[in-house]
Protein backbone atom coordinates (compact mmCIF):
# COMPACT_ATOMS: atom_id res chain seq x y z
CA UNK A 1 102.50 47.50 135.18
CA UNK A 2 105.55 45.50 136.20
CA UNK A 3 107.02 43.28 133.69
CA UNK A 4 106.19 39.49 134.05
CA UNK A 5 109.47 38.00 136.03
CA UNK A 6 111.70 35.49 133.65
CA UNK A 7 109.86 32.16 132.91
CA UNK A 8 106.47 33.25 134.57
CA UNK A 9 103.46 32.82 132.79
CA UNK A 10 101.33 35.78 131.59
CA UNK A 11 97.46 35.66 131.59
CA UNK A 12 95.38 37.24 128.84
CA UNK A 13 94.55 40.31 128.86
CA UNK A 14 90.97 41.46 129.80
CA UNK A 15 90.72 43.55 126.45
CA UNK A 16 91.63 40.31 123.86
CA UNK A 17 89.29 38.74 122.12
CA UNK A 18 87.61 35.22 123.05
CA UNK A 19 89.83 32.92 124.48
CA UNK A 20 92.18 30.75 122.48
CA UNK A 21 90.82 27.45 121.06
CA UNK A 22 92.59 24.78 119.14
CA UNK A 23 92.04 26.86 115.62
CA UNK A 24 92.29 30.33 117.31
CA UNK A 25 95.16 31.57 118.92
CA UNK A 26 95.22 35.49 119.16
CA UNK A 27 98.52 36.43 118.49
CA UNK A 28 100.49 40.32 118.40
CA UNK A 29 103.60 41.32 117.34
CA UNK A 30 106.00 43.79 118.91
CA UNK A 31 107.82 45.58 116.76
CA UNK A 32 110.68 46.90 119.53
CA UNK A 33 112.10 50.17 119.90
CA UNK A 34 113.76 50.47 116.84
CA UNK A 35 112.29 49.66 113.73
CA UNK A 36 115.06 49.96 111.17
CA UNK A 37 116.30 46.36 110.37
CA UNK A 38 120.04 45.77 110.28
CA UNK A 39 121.45 44.65 107.07
CA UNK A 40 123.18 41.12 106.38
CA UNK A 41 126.16 42.33 105.05
CA UNK A 42 129.62 41.11 105.30
CA UNK A 43 130.49 40.49 109.24
CA UNK A 44 133.57 39.13 110.64
CA UNK A 45 133.13 37.79 114.30
CA UNK A 46 136.47 38.43 116.23
CA UNK A 47 138.26 35.05 117.12
CA UNK A 48 141.05 36.53 119.44
CA UNK A 49 138.48 37.78 122.59
CA UNK A 50 136.33 36.31 124.74
CA UNK A 51 133.63 38.76 124.57
CA UNK A 52 132.92 41.81 122.16
CA UNK A 53 130.37 44.43 121.12
CA UNK A 54 129.93 43.90 117.36
CA UNK A 55 128.42 46.68 115.38
CA UNK A 56 125.49 45.12 112.99
CA UNK A 57 123.76 48.11 111.03
CA UNK A 58 123.05 50.77 113.65
CA UNK A 59 122.84 48.15 116.58
CA UNK A 60 125.37 46.74 119.08
CA UNK A 61 125.29 43.09 119.86
CA UNK A 62 127.03 41.64 122.91
CA UNK A 63 128.78 38.43 121.95
CA UNK A 64 129.92 36.48 124.81
CA UNK A 65 132.29 33.49 125.52
CA UNK A 66 133.58 33.59 121.68
CA UNK A 67 136.16 31.34 122.41
CA UNK A 68 134.65 28.39 123.99
CA UNK A 69 134.54 24.86 122.56
CA UNK A 70 131.30 24.04 120.95
CA UNK A 71 132.80 20.95 118.73
CA UNK A 72 135.87 20.26 120.79
CA UNK A 73 136.87 17.06 118.46
CA UNK A 74 136.46 19.44 115.66
CA UNK A 75 138.09 22.81 117.14
CA UNK A 76 135.41 24.54 116.41
CA UNK A 77 134.22 27.25 118.89
CA UNK A 78 131.08 29.42 119.72
CA UNK A 79 132.72 32.10 117.44
CA UNK A 80 132.90 29.59 114.60
CA UNK A 81 129.18 29.00 115.18
CA UNK A 82 128.21 32.41 114.83
CA UNK A 83 130.37 32.87 111.92
CA UNK A 84 128.73 30.54 110.15
CA UNK A 85 125.18 32.27 110.84
CA UNK A 86 126.65 35.56 109.77
CA UNK A 87 127.86 33.97 106.50
CA UNK A 88 124.65 32.28 105.60
CA UNK A 89 122.45 35.22 106.91
CA UNK A 90 121.37 36.80 103.39
CA UNK A 91 119.34 33.37 102.29
CA UNK A 92 118.13 32.15 106.15
CA UNK A 93 116.46 35.55 107.45
CA UNK A 94 113.56 35.42 104.67
CA UNK A 95 112.75 32.31 106.29
CA UNK A 96 112.67 32.90 109.75
CA UNK A 97 111.67 36.78 109.60
CA UNK A 98 107.79 37.27 111.42
CA UNK A 99 108.02 33.86 112.71
CA UNK A 100 107.76 33.01 116.60
CA UNK A 101 111.08 31.37 117.76
CA UNK A 102 111.33 28.20 120.27
CA UNK A 103 114.88 28.77 121.38
CA UNK A 104 116.84 25.41 121.82
CA UNK A 105 119.70 26.37 123.95
CA UNK A 106 123.13 24.53 124.35
CA UNK A 107 125.05 26.64 126.84
CA UNK A 108 128.05 23.94 126.86
CA UNK A 109 128.16 23.05 123.27
CA UNK A 110 126.87 20.61 120.94
CA UNK A 111 127.98 17.65 123.28
CA UNK A 112 126.17 19.11 126.24
CA UNK A 113 122.87 19.36 127.92
CA UNK A 114 120.11 21.07 126.43
CA UNK A 115 116.94 22.84 127.12
CA UNK A 116 114.35 24.53 125.46
CA UNK A 117 113.19 28.13 125.99
CA UNK A 118 110.16 29.62 124.52
CA UNK A 119 109.97 33.09 126.28
CA UNK A 120 112.01 35.50 125.42
CA UNK A 121 114.76 36.26 128.14
CA UNK A 122 114.89 39.40 130.17
CA UNK A 123 116.64 41.62 130.15
CA UNK A 124 117.23 42.04 126.42
CA UNK A 125 117.84 44.46 123.56
CA UNK A 126 114.71 46.93 123.10
CA UNK A 127 115.19 45.81 119.22
CA UNK A 128 114.46 42.38 119.72
CA UNK A 129 110.89 41.73 118.54
CA UNK A 130 108.56 39.37 119.97
CA UNK A 131 105.17 37.62 118.62
CA UNK A 132 102.86 37.25 121.98
CA UNK A 133 100.99 33.95 121.29
CA UNK A 134 97.81 33.07 123.36
CA UNK A 135 97.51 29.19 124.33
CA UNK A 136 94.39 27.80 125.28
CA UNK A 137 95.24 27.64 128.95
CA UNK A 138 95.05 31.38 128.71
CA UNK A 139 98.96 31.88 129.31
CA UNK A 140 100.27 34.37 126.75
CA UNK A 141 103.93 33.65 125.78
CA UNK A 142 106.31 36.51 124.15
CA UNK A 143 108.54 34.33 121.65
CA UNK A 144 111.47 35.95 120.02
CA UNK A 145 111.26 37.07 116.48
CA UNK A 146 114.39 37.04 114.27
CA UNK A 147 113.86 39.94 111.87
CA UNK A 148 117.72 40.93 110.92
CA UNK A 149 121.28 39.92 111.36
CA UNK A 150 121.21 41.60 114.65
CA UNK A 151 118.62 39.36 116.17
CA UNK A 152 120.20 36.50 114.71
CA UNK A 153 123.46 36.98 116.20
CA UNK A 154 121.81 37.67 119.66
CA UNK A 155 119.73 34.68 119.51
CA UNK A 156 122.77 32.27 118.40
CA UNK A 157 124.86 33.93 121.17
CA UNK A 158 122.45 32.53 123.71
CA UNK A 159 123.85 29.18 122.87
CA UNK A 160 121.27 28.21 120.13
CA UNK A 161 122.92 26.03 117.79
CA UNK A 162 119.44 25.09 115.44
CA UNK A 163 116.90 27.47 114.89
CA UNK A 164 113.13 26.29 115.45
CA UNK A 165 110.36 28.74 113.90
CA UNK A 166 106.85 28.43 113.84
CA UNK A 167 105.23 27.13 110.54
CA UNK A 168 102.67 29.98 110.21
CA UNK A 169 103.70 34.01 110.51
CA UNK A 170 102.75 35.91 113.43
CA UNK A 171 100.11 37.71 112.16
CA UNK A 172 97.97 34.74 111.74
CA UNK A 173 99.91 31.83 113.99
CA UNK A 174 96.85 29.34 113.07
CA UNK A 175 97.33 29.12 109.40
CA UNK A 176 100.45 27.63 108.20
CA UNK A 177 102.67 28.25 105.25
CA UNK A 178 103.82 24.60 104.82
CA UNK A 179 102.70 21.18 104.74
CA UNK A 180 105.55 19.01 105.77
CA UNK A 181 106.85 15.53 106.58
CA UNK A 182 109.68 14.54 108.70
CA UNK A 183 111.68 11.30 107.70
CA UNK A 184 112.69 9.81 111.20
CA UNK A 185 114.75 6.66 110.83
CA UNK A 186 114.35 3.75 113.66
CA UNK A 187 117.23 2.21 115.18
CA UNK A 188 119.14 -0.07 112.75
CA UNK A 189 117.59 2.09 109.31
CA UNK A 190 120.39 2.83 106.98
CA UNK A 191 120.67 6.03 105.22
CA UNK A 192 119.49 4.32 101.78
CA UNK A 193 116.14 3.27 103.33
CA UNK A 194 115.61 7.06 104.42
CA UNK A 195 116.35 8.17 100.72
CA UNK A 196 114.18 5.65 99.55
CA UNK A 197 111.01 7.08 101.63
CA UNK A 198 111.87 10.24 100.48
CA UNK A 199 111.25 9.19 97.34
CA UNK A 200 108.03 7.54 98.08
CA UNK A 201 106.49 10.38 99.78
CA UNK A 202 107.99 12.53 96.69
CA UNK A 203 106.20 10.32 94.32
CA UNK A 204 103.02 10.46 96.49
CA UNK A 205 103.13 13.93 96.35
CA UNK A 206 103.70 14.61 92.92
CA UNK A 207 100.44 12.21 91.63
CA UNK A 208 98.56 14.61 93.84
CA UNK A 209 99.65 17.62 91.86
CA UNK A 210 102.05 18.84 94.62
CA UNK A 211 105.32 20.58 94.19
CA UNK A 212 107.65 19.44 97.11
CA UNK A 213 111.30 20.36 98.21
CA UNK A 214 113.88 18.34 100.25
CA UNK A 215 116.56 19.02 102.80
CA UNK A 216 118.67 17.04 104.88
CA UNK A 217 117.76 17.37 108.60
CA UNK A 218 121.35 17.88 109.60
CA UNK A 219 121.14 14.94 112.24
CA UNK A 220 119.62 11.71 110.47
CA UNK A 221 116.65 12.34 108.58
CA UNK A 222 115.10 14.14 105.61
CA UNK A 223 112.35 16.85 105.46
CA UNK A 224 110.10 17.22 102.47
CA UNK A 225 108.09 20.35 102.51
CA UNK A 226 105.04 21.99 100.18
CA UNK A 227 104.42 25.37 99.83
CA UNK A 228 100.67 26.04 100.64
CA UNK A 229 98.22 28.76 100.41
CA UNK A 230 97.38 30.41 103.80
CA UNK A 231 94.10 29.15 103.92
CA UNK A 232 93.52 25.80 106.34
CA UNK A 233 94.03 25.99 110.08
CA UNK A 234 97.16 24.13 111.51
CA UNK A 235 94.65 21.29 112.72
CA UNK A 236 93.63 21.07 108.90
CA UNK A 237 97.03 20.71 107.74
CA UNK A 238 97.81 18.25 110.30
CA UNK A 239 94.95 15.98 109.78
CA UNK A 240 95.78 15.82 106.05
CA UNK A 241 99.30 15.06 106.84
CA UNK A 242 97.97 12.37 109.17
CA UNK A 243 95.78 10.84 106.25
CA UNK A 244 98.54 10.92 103.81
CA UNK A 245 101.35 9.46 106.30
CA UNK A 246 98.86 6.82 107.18
CA UNK A 247 98.01 5.83 103.45
CA UNK A 248 101.78 5.74 102.60
CA UNK A 249 102.54 3.50 105.57
CA UNK A 250 99.71 1.10 104.50
CA UNK A 251 101.11 0.97 100.77
CA UNK A 252 104.76 0.61 102.10
CA UNK A 253 105.02 -1.25 105.36
CA UNK A 254 108.03 -2.74 105.05
CA UNK A 255 109.68 0.71 104.90
CA UNK A 256 107.36 3.50 106.29
CA UNK A 257 105.54 3.46 109.90
CA UNK A 258 102.93 6.13 110.67
CA UNK A 259 102.74 4.73 114.57
CA UNK A 260 103.89 7.83 116.57
CA UNK A 261 103.86 6.27 119.69
CA UNK A 262 107.66 4.92 120.19
CA UNK A 263 106.53 1.54 122.43
CA UNK A 264 104.12 0.64 119.45
CA UNK A 265 106.41 1.91 116.72
CA UNK A 266 107.59 -1.19 114.32
CA UNK A 267 111.56 -1.44 114.41
CA UNK A 268 113.27 -0.99 111.04
CA UNK A 269 111.41 1.32 109.55
CA UNK A 270 110.96 5.25 108.78
CA UNK A 271 108.62 7.16 110.65
CA UNK A 272 106.45 9.47 108.49
CA UNK A 273 106.22 11.94 111.26
CA UNK A 274 103.04 13.63 110.55
CA UNK A 275 102.61 15.15 114.14
CA UNK A 276 105.31 17.65 113.80
CA UNK A 277 102.29 19.73 111.45
CA UNK A 278 100.75 19.93 114.92
CA UNK A 279 100.06 23.80 116.19
CA UNK A 280 103.03 25.09 118.05
CA UNK A 281 105.64 22.33 116.91
CA UNK A 282 108.52 23.07 114.88
CA UNK A 283 111.44 21.47 113.20
CA UNK A 284 115.26 22.92 112.66
CA UNK A 285 115.31 25.36 110.13
CA UNK A 286 116.49 25.51 106.69
CA UNK A 287 120.56 26.31 107.12
CA UNK A 288 120.78 25.21 110.59
CA UNK A 289 123.38 23.96 112.46
CA UNK A 290 122.95 20.95 114.43
CA UNK A 291 124.67 19.49 117.49
CA UNK A 292 125.82 16.74 115.28
CA UNK A 293 129.60 15.52 115.85
CA UNK A 294 130.47 16.77 112.52
CA UNK A 295 128.62 20.28 112.79
CA UNK A 296 126.22 19.21 109.93
CA UNK A 297 123.59 21.64 108.56
CA UNK A 298 119.86 20.81 107.50
CA UNK A 299 120.67 21.87 103.89
CA UNK A 300 118.48 22.19 100.93
CA UNK A 301 119.07 19.75 98.22
CA UNK A 302 117.68 18.68 94.69
CA UNK A 303 116.05 15.17 94.52
CA UNK A 304 118.95 14.63 91.53
CA UNK A 305 121.65 15.12 94.29
CA UNK A 306 119.71 12.91 96.58
CA UNK A 307 119.33 10.18 93.74
CA UNK A 308 123.03 10.57 93.24
CA UNK A 309 123.90 9.79 96.81
CA UNK A 310 124.20 12.86 99.01
CA UNK A 311 124.42 12.22 102.58
CA UNK A 312 123.87 14.40 105.85
CA UNK A 313 127.71 14.46 106.48
CA UNK A 314 128.21 16.20 102.94
CA UNK A 315 126.42 19.45 104.38
CA UNK A 316 128.61 20.89 107.03
CA UNK A 317 129.45 24.08 108.83
CA UNK A 318 132.64 24.44 106.68
CA UNK A 319 131.28 23.93 103.81
CA UNK A 320 127.61 25.36 103.58
CA UNK A 321 128.33 28.66 103.06
CA UNK A 322 130.58 28.35 99.80
CA UNK A 323 127.44 26.02 98.44
CA UNK A 324 125.27 29.08 98.99
CA UNK A 325 127.35 31.17 97.18
CA UNK A 326 127.49 28.76 94.69
CA UNK A 327 124.20 27.67 94.00
CA UNK A 328 122.22 30.31 95.64
CA UNK A 329 118.58 29.20 97.89
CA UNK A 330 117.20 26.34 96.45
CA UNK A 331 114.39 26.65 98.71
CA UNK A 332 113.43 29.95 97.40
CA UNK A 333 110.60 29.14 95.69
CA UNK A 334 108.99 28.42 99.66
CA UNK A 335 108.98 32.14 99.84
CA UNK A 336 107.41 33.01 96.74
CA UNK A 337 103.45 33.93 96.60
CA UNK A 338 103.10 32.55 93.31
CA UNK A 339 103.22 28.13 93.29
CA UNK A 340 101.69 27.66 96.42
CA UNK A 341 98.98 24.54 96.53
CA UNK A 342 95.60 25.32 97.82
CA UNK A 343 95.00 22.07 99.92
CA UNK A 344 91.25 22.26 99.78
CA UNK A 345 91.59 21.11 96.33
CA UNK A 346 92.43 17.99 97.76
CA UNK A 347 89.45 17.41 99.85
């Protein structure tokens, strides 16, 4: 049977189980032709050519437009973006492996227009794995999955500055690994208010006995994540996040809001965006570069660092690799089996 054309919708095969619903989305992972994963060892991206074919493990990765400016004011090119991801791949990859990836492509660099792309483009290397997820409409979307350094470089070469992976792994796309809060400042909100909001969320989670981890978004806000046992559905996690967010907004009305509709949102507040927990939503992943004027990176920090005055601009494409070498992955506990919280105990 002919493959669907690029961008076309693929309907659910007749052999699939019952049609997808809000809490049931059949998914199937394609392992690709080559099953060996390329490693995340030291890689140097050439900077004196426009195009190159790089040998990564046992795979050839074609890289294009390497000298194209991506942050002209900073003198940073597409090659610099690729080199950054190669340098942090050993800590980044465990956080995105086995998860569907939504591509946000910036073909003309950080200051240019972007577009979202869910379906893995064709043609593509035979070793790119996919996660085929059925939606309630009956459409099946083949999302790319970043399993190794070769796949990571292939995705970034498409012009993806940041990475936006699903919260649930492909073996059960309805049951996430995390509960999280996206703290998004409204117009005129100072960074100090965002930090204050993060500590309000942190205190509330601590009072519930939940261990949380914090990172800068690399853009304007802060992400707070809680590792959870994969039991509740994405909708149930969303419902809990909504309840907690509205409760916090009622208790701190001068600082926080949980009103999602922008037209009704009060000014001068930090939005506790619980809706990012909804099925199919994504946030910029840990260690993602963002299209920030200073090429900032979504970086894990400690609560002590945040309290001491850490800011978005402190973590950039030029210094995060050195920070990782010195500090390691501060979010490694989010990958562990132990220490995950059972949200059913909060009911």
